[in-house]
Amino acid sequence: MTLWLIFFSIVIILLVFDLSILNRHAHVISIKNSLYSSLFYVSIAILFGLWVWYSLGIEKMSLYYTGYLVEQSLSLDNLFVMALVFKYFNIPRKFQHRVLFWGIIGVLVLRGIMIGLGSLLVSKFAWTLYIFGIFLVLMGLKMLFIKENKKEIQHNPLLHFMRKHFRISHEIQGQQFRIKAPHPKHPDKKVTWITPLFVALILIESADIIFAVDSIPAIFAITTDPYIVYTSNIFAILGLRSIYFALDAVMARFVYLQQALAIILIFIGSKIFIIHLLGLKEFPPFLSLGITIGLLAGGIGFSLWKTRKN
């Protein structure tokens, strides 16, 4: 219980500091500030890993860092979705942080529920890990060999549903998620409208749930410890969203990142079968961490080298 209290205390302090001090007023977050913010969150995540080492041992620390890297890697695709959503609704950069901030609040709750259900499933039915493993290998092969066509935002069924059942204002109303405005058929009566900012938030949250279908099995294939699973997920998401404004300018250069992520998924998914075939008690945590770092660094490095002239 003490470990959980320490973790949630850190997260709450970070969120309060972010909203009430760093980004109290709407402003455009520069690439420089985004990099500083990301460095800060990465430092916090690394220090927390050292706390895990002190509290739970060096193997748990290694599993935490592996989970952190895998979650950050798999969530990079989510940045592309965020960029598409913001571009589609023409949301100014100075208002984008508010959407991302409240998106993190939603992630804290939704990931907690999904990880809790996953832990319950794994504890009751150990063979679930083999299902996760097969799923990850198949997903990795799909990413490696099948070029997926991204659907346009306007064809999103959730957006369709919201447009049909809610009143959505056409204009951005500052940082507001909802406003009071005249009824479309009764101008003398004021009713509640939701703004494009709120629609963007819902679409980004739904995208996170979809991406969690990959990342949750991946982290459970690394470790079944709920504390390591949840903390590594949340710190990765906190750090990733802080660097969004910097990565938004260079995301197009990560042309081979998908292949690297695909190989990481295949590796993680196959670990449980390798353990079974070799009769090992567990896959060496530090070897797993080293391979994950090597694959991710290789994919990013090769991408930047191939696109250096661009």
Protein backbone atom coordinates (compact mmCIF):
# COMPACT_ATOMS: atom_id res chain seq x y z
CA MET A 1 0.00 0.00 0.00
CA THR A 2 2.87 2.40 0.83
CA LEU A 3 4.38 1.92 -2.64
CA TRP A 4 1.06 2.77 -4.29
CA LEU A 5 0.61 5.87 -2.13
CA ILE A 6 4.10 7.10 -3.04
CA PHE A 7 3.43 6.59 -6.75
CA PHE A 8 0.04 8.36 -6.77
CA SER A 9 1.46 11.19 -4.65
CA ILE A 10 4.21 11.75 -7.24
CA VAL A 11 1.72 11.71 -10.13
CA ILE A 12 -0.70 14.12 -8.41
CA ILE A 13 2.13 16.53 -7.55
CA LEU A 14 3.36 16.42 -11.18
CA LEU A 15 -0.12 17.08 -12.58
CA VAL A 16 -0.85 19.93 -10.17
CA PHE A 17 2.57 21.47 -10.89
CA ASP A 18 1.96 21.15 -14.63
CA LEU A 19 -1.53 22.68 -14.65
CA SER A 20 -1.27 25.33 -11.93
CA ILE A 21 2.30 26.57 -12.47
CA LEU A 22 3.87 25.58 -15.80
CA ASN A 23 0.73 25.88 -17.94
CA ARG A 24 -1.65 27.96 -15.88
CA HIS A 25 -2.50 30.12 -18.88
CA ALA A 26 -2.97 29.04 -22.48
CA HIS A 27 0.21 29.54 -24.48
CA VAL A 28 2.14 28.01 -27.35
CA ILE A 29 4.60 25.46 -26.00
CA SER A 30 7.90 25.83 -27.86
CA ILE A 31 10.02 22.90 -28.98
CA LYS A 32 12.68 23.99 -26.49
CA ASN A 33 10.23 23.98 -23.56
CA SER A 34 8.78 20.67 -24.74
CA LEU A 35 12.25 19.09 -24.71
CA TYR A 36 12.97 20.47 -21.23
CA SER A 37 9.62 19.17 -19.99
CA SER A 38 10.24 15.76 -21.52
CA LEU A 39 13.72 15.60 -19.99
CA PHE A 40 12.16 16.40 -16.62
CA TYR A 41 9.57 13.61 -16.93
CA VAL A 42 12.16 11.11 -18.15
CA SER A 43 14.37 12.01 -15.18
CA ILE A 44 11.44 11.43 -12.80
CA ALA A 45 10.75 8.06 -14.45
CA ILE A 46 14.42 7.03 -14.13
CA LEU A 47 14.56 8.11 -10.48
CA PHE A 48 11.37 6.17 -9.80
CA GLY A 49 13.05 3.12 -11.33
CA LEU A 50 15.86 3.52 -8.83
CA TRP A 51 13.23 3.69 -6.08
CA VAL A 52 11.79 0.41 -7.41
CA TRP A 53 15.30 -1.08 -7.17
CA TYR A 54 15.62 0.11 -3.57
CA SER A 55 12.14 -1.14 -2.60
CA LEU A 56 11.65 -4.30 -4.67
CA GLY A 57 15.05 -5.34 -6.00
CA ILE A 58 17.15 -5.00 -9.12
CA GLU A 59 15.11 -7.47 -11.23
CA LYS A 60 11.91 -5.49 -10.65
CA MET A 61 13.80 -2.34 -11.65
CA SER A 62 14.87 -3.99 -14.90
CA LEU A 63 11.29 -5.07 -15.63
CA TYR A 64 10.05 -1.55 -14.86
CA TYR A 65 12.52 0.04 -17.30
CA THR A 66 11.69 -2.53 -19.99
CA GLY A 67 7.97 -1.89 -19.56
CA TYR A 68 8.58 1.86 -19.63
CA LEU A 69 10.53 1.69 -22.90
CA VAL A 70 8.06 -0.67 -24.58
CA GLU A 71 5.08 1.50 -23.60
CA GLN A 72 6.79 4.67 -24.83
CA SER A 73 7.72 2.93 -28.08
CA LEU A 74 4.26 1.56 -28.77
CA SER A 75 2.62 4.86 -27.82
CA LEU A 76 4.61 6.81 -30.42
CA ASP A 77 1.96 5.83 -32.96
CA ASN A 78 -0.54 7.60 -30.73
CA LEU A 79 1.28 10.87 -31.42
CA PHE A 80 0.39 10.58 -35.11
CA VAL A 81 -3.29 10.22 -34.16
CA MET A 82 -3.08 13.27 -31.87
CA ALA A 83 -1.52 15.32 -34.68
CA LEU A 84 -4.27 14.22 -37.12
CA VAL A 85 -7.04 15.08 -34.65
CA PHE A 86 -5.62 18.51 -33.84
CA LYS A 87 -5.12 19.26 -37.54
CA TYR A 88 -8.63 18.10 -38.48
CA PHE A 89 -10.30 20.37 -35.90
CA ASN A 90 -7.84 23.25 -36.48
CA ILE A 91 -7.06 23.42 -32.77
CA PRO A 92 -4.47 26.13 -32.09
CA ARG A 93 -1.23 24.95 -30.49
CA LYS A 94 -1.83 27.09 -27.41
CA PHE A 95 -4.98 25.05 -26.59
CA GLN A 96 -3.57 21.60 -27.39
CA HIS A 97 -1.89 21.17 -24.00
CA ARG A 98 -5.27 21.39 -22.21
CA VAL A 99 -6.59 18.49 -24.31
CA LEU A 100 -3.47 16.40 -23.64
CA PHE A 101 -3.54 17.19 -19.91
CA TRP A 102 -7.12 16.05 -19.37
CA GLY A 103 -6.38 13.12 -21.63
CA ILE A 104 -3.78 11.99 -19.08
CA ILE A 105 -6.43 12.11 -16.33
CA GLY A 106 -8.57 9.77 -18.42
CA VAL A 107 -5.62 7.47 -19.06
CA LEU A 108 -4.93 7.15 -15.32
CA VAL A 109 -8.45 5.77 -14.83
CA LEU A 110 -8.84 3.74 -18.02
CA ARG A 111 -5.41 2.08 -17.84
CA GLY A 112 -6.03 1.28 -14.18
CA ILE A 113 -9.25 -0.53 -15.06
CA MET A 114 -7.70 -2.42 -17.99
CA ILE A 115 -4.58 -3.42 -16.04
CA GLY A 116 -6.71 -4.51 -13.07
CA LEU A 117 -8.84 -6.73 -15.33
CA GLY A 118 -5.70 -8.07 -17.02
CA SER A 119 -4.09 -8.93 -13.66
CA LEU A 120 -7.24 -10.73 -12.55
CA LEU A 121 -7.38 -12.67 -15.80
CA VAL A 122 -3.72 -13.71 -15.66
CA SER A 123 -3.93 -14.74 -11.98
CA LYS A 124 -7.01 -16.89 -12.61
CA PHE A 125 -5.94 -18.32 -15.97
CA ALA A 126 -2.15 -18.56 -16.40
CA TRP A 127 -2.54 -19.78 -19.99
CA THR A 128 -3.76 -16.27 -20.88
CA LEU A 129 -0.10 -15.26 -21.18
CA TYR A 130 0.30 -17.66 -24.10
CA ILE A 131 -2.71 -16.02 -25.79
CA PHE A 132 -1.09 -12.63 -25.22
CA GLY A 133 2.15 -13.98 -26.69
CA ILE A 134 0.49 -15.30 -29.86
CA PHE A 135 -1.44 -12.03 -30.22
CA LEU A 136 1.75 -9.94 -29.96
CA VAL A 137 3.62 -12.07 -32.49
CA LEU A 138 0.72 -11.82 -34.96
CA MET A 139 0.43 -8.06 -34.42
CA GLY A 140 4.18 -7.69 -34.95
CA LEU A 141 4.06 -9.70 -38.20
CA LYS A 142 1.13 -7.62 -39.39
CA MET A 143 2.99 -4.37 -38.69
CA LEU A 144 6.10 -5.73 -40.38
CA PHE A 145 4.57 -6.97 -43.62
CA ILE A 146 1.21 -5.25 -44.05
CA LYS A 147 1.04 -1.54 -44.73
CA GLU A 148 -2.01 -0.33 -42.88
CA ASN A 149 -4.16 2.32 -44.49
CA LYS A 150 -4.98 5.01 -41.95
CA LYS A 151 -8.64 5.96 -42.02
CA GLU A 152 -9.47 9.64 -42.26
CA ILE A 153 -10.75 11.30 -39.09
CA GLN A 154 -14.03 12.24 -40.75
CA HIS A 155 -14.87 8.53 -41.18
CA ASN A 156 -14.38 7.76 -37.49
CA PRO A 157 -17.58 6.05 -36.19
CA LEU A 158 -17.27 7.72 -32.79
CA LEU A 159 -17.14 11.15 -34.43
CA HIS A 160 -20.18 10.13 -36.49
CA PHE A 161 -22.03 9.19 -33.31
CA MET A 162 -21.13 12.43 -31.52
CA ARG A 163 -22.22 14.57 -34.45
CA LYS A 164 -25.55 12.74 -34.56
CA HIS A 165 -26.35 12.85 -30.83
CA PHE A 166 -24.64 16.03 -29.53
CA ARG A 167 -24.65 19.71 -30.40
CA ILE A 168 -21.09 20.55 -31.47
CA SER A 169 -20.06 24.17 -31.92
CA HIS A 170 -18.26 25.05 -35.12
CA GLU A 171 -15.84 27.48 -33.52
CA ILE A 172 -13.14 27.07 -30.87
CA GLN A 173 -14.30 28.85 -27.72
CA GLY A 174 -10.99 29.45 -25.95
CA GLN A 175 -10.13 26.55 -23.63
CA GLN A 176 -13.76 25.66 -22.99
CA PHE A 177 -14.97 22.08 -23.43
CA ARG A 178 -18.63 23.13 -23.33
CA ILE A 179 -20.49 26.40 -23.73
CA LYS A 180 -23.97 27.84 -23.45
CA ALA A 181 -25.35 29.07 -26.78
CA PRO A 182 -28.74 29.56 -28.47
CA HIS A 183 -30.68 26.45 -29.52
CA PRO A 184 -30.42 25.94 -33.32
CA LYS A 185 -34.23 25.88 -33.67
CA HIS A 186 -35.15 28.14 -30.75
CA PRO A 187 -32.74 31.11 -30.72
CA ASP A 188 -34.31 32.56 -27.58
CA LYS A 189 -33.38 29.46 -25.56
CA LYS A 190 -29.78 28.79 -24.50
CA VAL A 191 -28.56 25.17 -24.35
CA THR A 192 -25.28 23.35 -23.79
CA TRP A 193 -22.97 22.78 -26.77
CA ILE A 194 -19.71 20.84 -26.74
CA THR A 195 -16.72 22.40 -28.43
CA PRO A 196 -14.22 20.90 -30.90
CA LEU A 197 -11.74 20.75 -27.99
CA PHE A 198 -13.97 18.27 -26.16
CA VAL A 199 -14.54 16.19 -29.31
CA ALA A 200 -10.76 16.06 -29.85
CA LEU A 201 -10.31 14.91 -26.24
CA ILE A 202 -12.83 12.06 -26.67
CA LEU A 203 -11.22 10.92 -29.94
CA ILE A 204 -7.73 10.93 -28.39
CA GLU A 205 -9.00 8.99 -25.35
CA SER A 206 -10.66 6.40 -27.61
CA ALA A 207 -7.42 6.08 -29.60
CA ASP A 208 -5.55 5.42 -26.35
CA ILE A 209 -7.94 2.57 -25.54
CA ILE A 210 -7.30 1.06 -28.98
CA PHE A 211 -3.52 1.36 -28.59
CA ALA A 212 -3.78 -0.18 -25.12
CA VAL A 213 -4.95 -3.39 -26.83
CA ASP A 214 -1.33 -3.74 -28.00
CA SER A 215 0.53 -2.30 -25.03
CA ILE A 216 -1.33 -4.06 -22.20
CA PRO A 217 -0.60 -7.61 -23.51
CA ALA A 218 2.98 -6.47 -24.22
CA ILE A 219 3.63 -5.34 -20.65
CA PHE A 220 1.98 -8.47 -19.19
CA ALA A 221 4.30 -10.54 -21.38
CA ILE A 222 7.17 -8.72 -19.63
CA THR A 223 5.84 -8.94 -16.06
CA THR A 224 2.57 -9.75 -14.32
CA ASP A 225 3.29 -7.52 -11.31
CA PRO A 226 0.41 -4.95 -11.34
CA TYR A 227 2.57 -2.29 -9.68
CA ILE A 228 5.32 -2.53 -12.31
CA VAL A 229 2.77 -2.74 -15.12
CA TYR A 230 0.79 0.35 -14.04
CA THR A 231 3.67 2.60 -12.97
CA SER A 232 5.72 1.95 -16.12
CA ASN A 233 2.63 2.64 -18.27
CA ILE A 234 1.72 5.91 -16.59
CA PHE A 235 5.25 7.35 -16.44
CA ALA A 236 5.73 6.51 -20.12
CA ILE A 237 2.50 8.28 -21.09
CA LEU A 238 3.33 11.32 -18.95
CA GLY A 239 6.72 11.65 -20.64
CA LEU A 240 5.41 11.00 -24.12
CA ARG A 241 2.71 13.65 -24.04
CA SER A 242 5.14 16.21 -22.68
CA ILE A 243 7.40 15.75 -25.73
CA TYR A 244 4.52 15.81 -28.24
CA PHE A 245 5.17 19.43 -29.21
CA ALA A 246 8.81 18.66 -30.02
CA LEU A 247 8.19 15.37 -31.82
CA ASP A 248 5.36 16.88 -33.88
CA ALA A 249 8.01 18.64 -35.96
CA VAL A 250 10.12 15.54 -36.69
CA MET A 251 7.69 12.59 -36.58
CA ALA A 252 7.75 12.26 -40.36
CA ARG A 253 11.44 11.28 -40.16
CA PHE A 254 10.75 8.10 -38.13
CA VAL A 255 10.15 6.10 -41.31
CA TYR A 256 11.52 2.80 -39.97
CA LEU A 257 10.12 3.09 -36.46
CA GLN A 258 7.15 0.84 -37.28
CA GLN A 259 9.48 -1.99 -38.33
CA ALA A 260 11.45 -1.62 -35.10
CA LEU A 261 8.24 -1.70 -33.05
CA ALA A 262 7.06 -4.76 -34.97
CA ILE A 263 10.26 -6.66 -34.13
CA ILE A 264 9.95 -5.59 -30.47
CA LEU A 265 6.40 -6.99 -30.37
CA ILE A 266 7.52 -10.26 -31.95
CA PHE A 267 10.40 -10.52 -29.48
CA ILE A 268 8.22 -9.83 -26.43
CA GLY A 269 5.47 -12.17 -27.62
CA SER A 270 7.90 -15.01 -28.30
CA LYS A 271 9.66 -14.74 -24.91
CA ILE A 272 7.10 -16.87 -23.09
CA PHE A 273 7.51 -19.68 -25.65
CA ILE A 274 11.33 -19.41 -25.51
CA ILE A 275 11.15 -19.80 -21.72
CA HIS A 276 8.97 -22.88 -22.10
CA LEU A 277 11.15 -24.48 -24.81
CA LEU A 278 14.42 -23.89 -22.95
CA GLY A 279 12.98 -24.84 -19.58
CA LEU A 280 13.90 -21.48 -18.04
CA LYS A 281 12.23 -20.05 -14.96
CA GLU A 282 12.13 -16.61 -16.57
CA PHE A 283 13.73 -14.66 -19.41
CA PRO A 284 16.74 -12.72 -18.03
CA PRO A 285 15.33 -9.23 -17.30
CA PHE A 286 18.53 -7.37 -18.19
CA LEU A 287 18.86 -9.24 -21.49
CA SER A 288 15.25 -8.33 -22.31
CA LEU A 289 15.93 -4.68 -21.46
CA GLY A 290 19.11 -4.63 -23.58
CA ILE A 291 17.40 -6.13 -26.62
CA THR A 292 14.49 -3.69 -26.34
CA ILE A 293 16.84 -0.69 -26.11
CA GLY A 294 18.92 -1.97 -29.02
CA LEU A 295 15.91 -2.49 -31.31
CA LEU A 296 14.35 0.86 -30.49
CA ALA A 297 17.62 2.79 -30.81
CA GLY A 298 18.39 0.98 -34.06
CA GLY A 299 15.00 1.87 -35.57
CA ILE A 300 15.20 5.53 -34.59
CA GLY A 301 18.87 5.88 -35.54
CA PHE A 302 18.44 4.22 -38.96
CA SER A 303 15.35 6.37 -39.64
CA LEU A 304 17.20 9.59 -38.87
CA TRP A 305 20.19 8.51 -40.95
CA LYS A 306 18.06 7.58 -44.00
CA THR A 307 16.14 10.89 -43.86
CA ARG A 308 19.12 13.09 -43.04
CA LYS A 309 18.89 14.90 -46.42
CA ASN A 310 15.27 15.81 -45.78
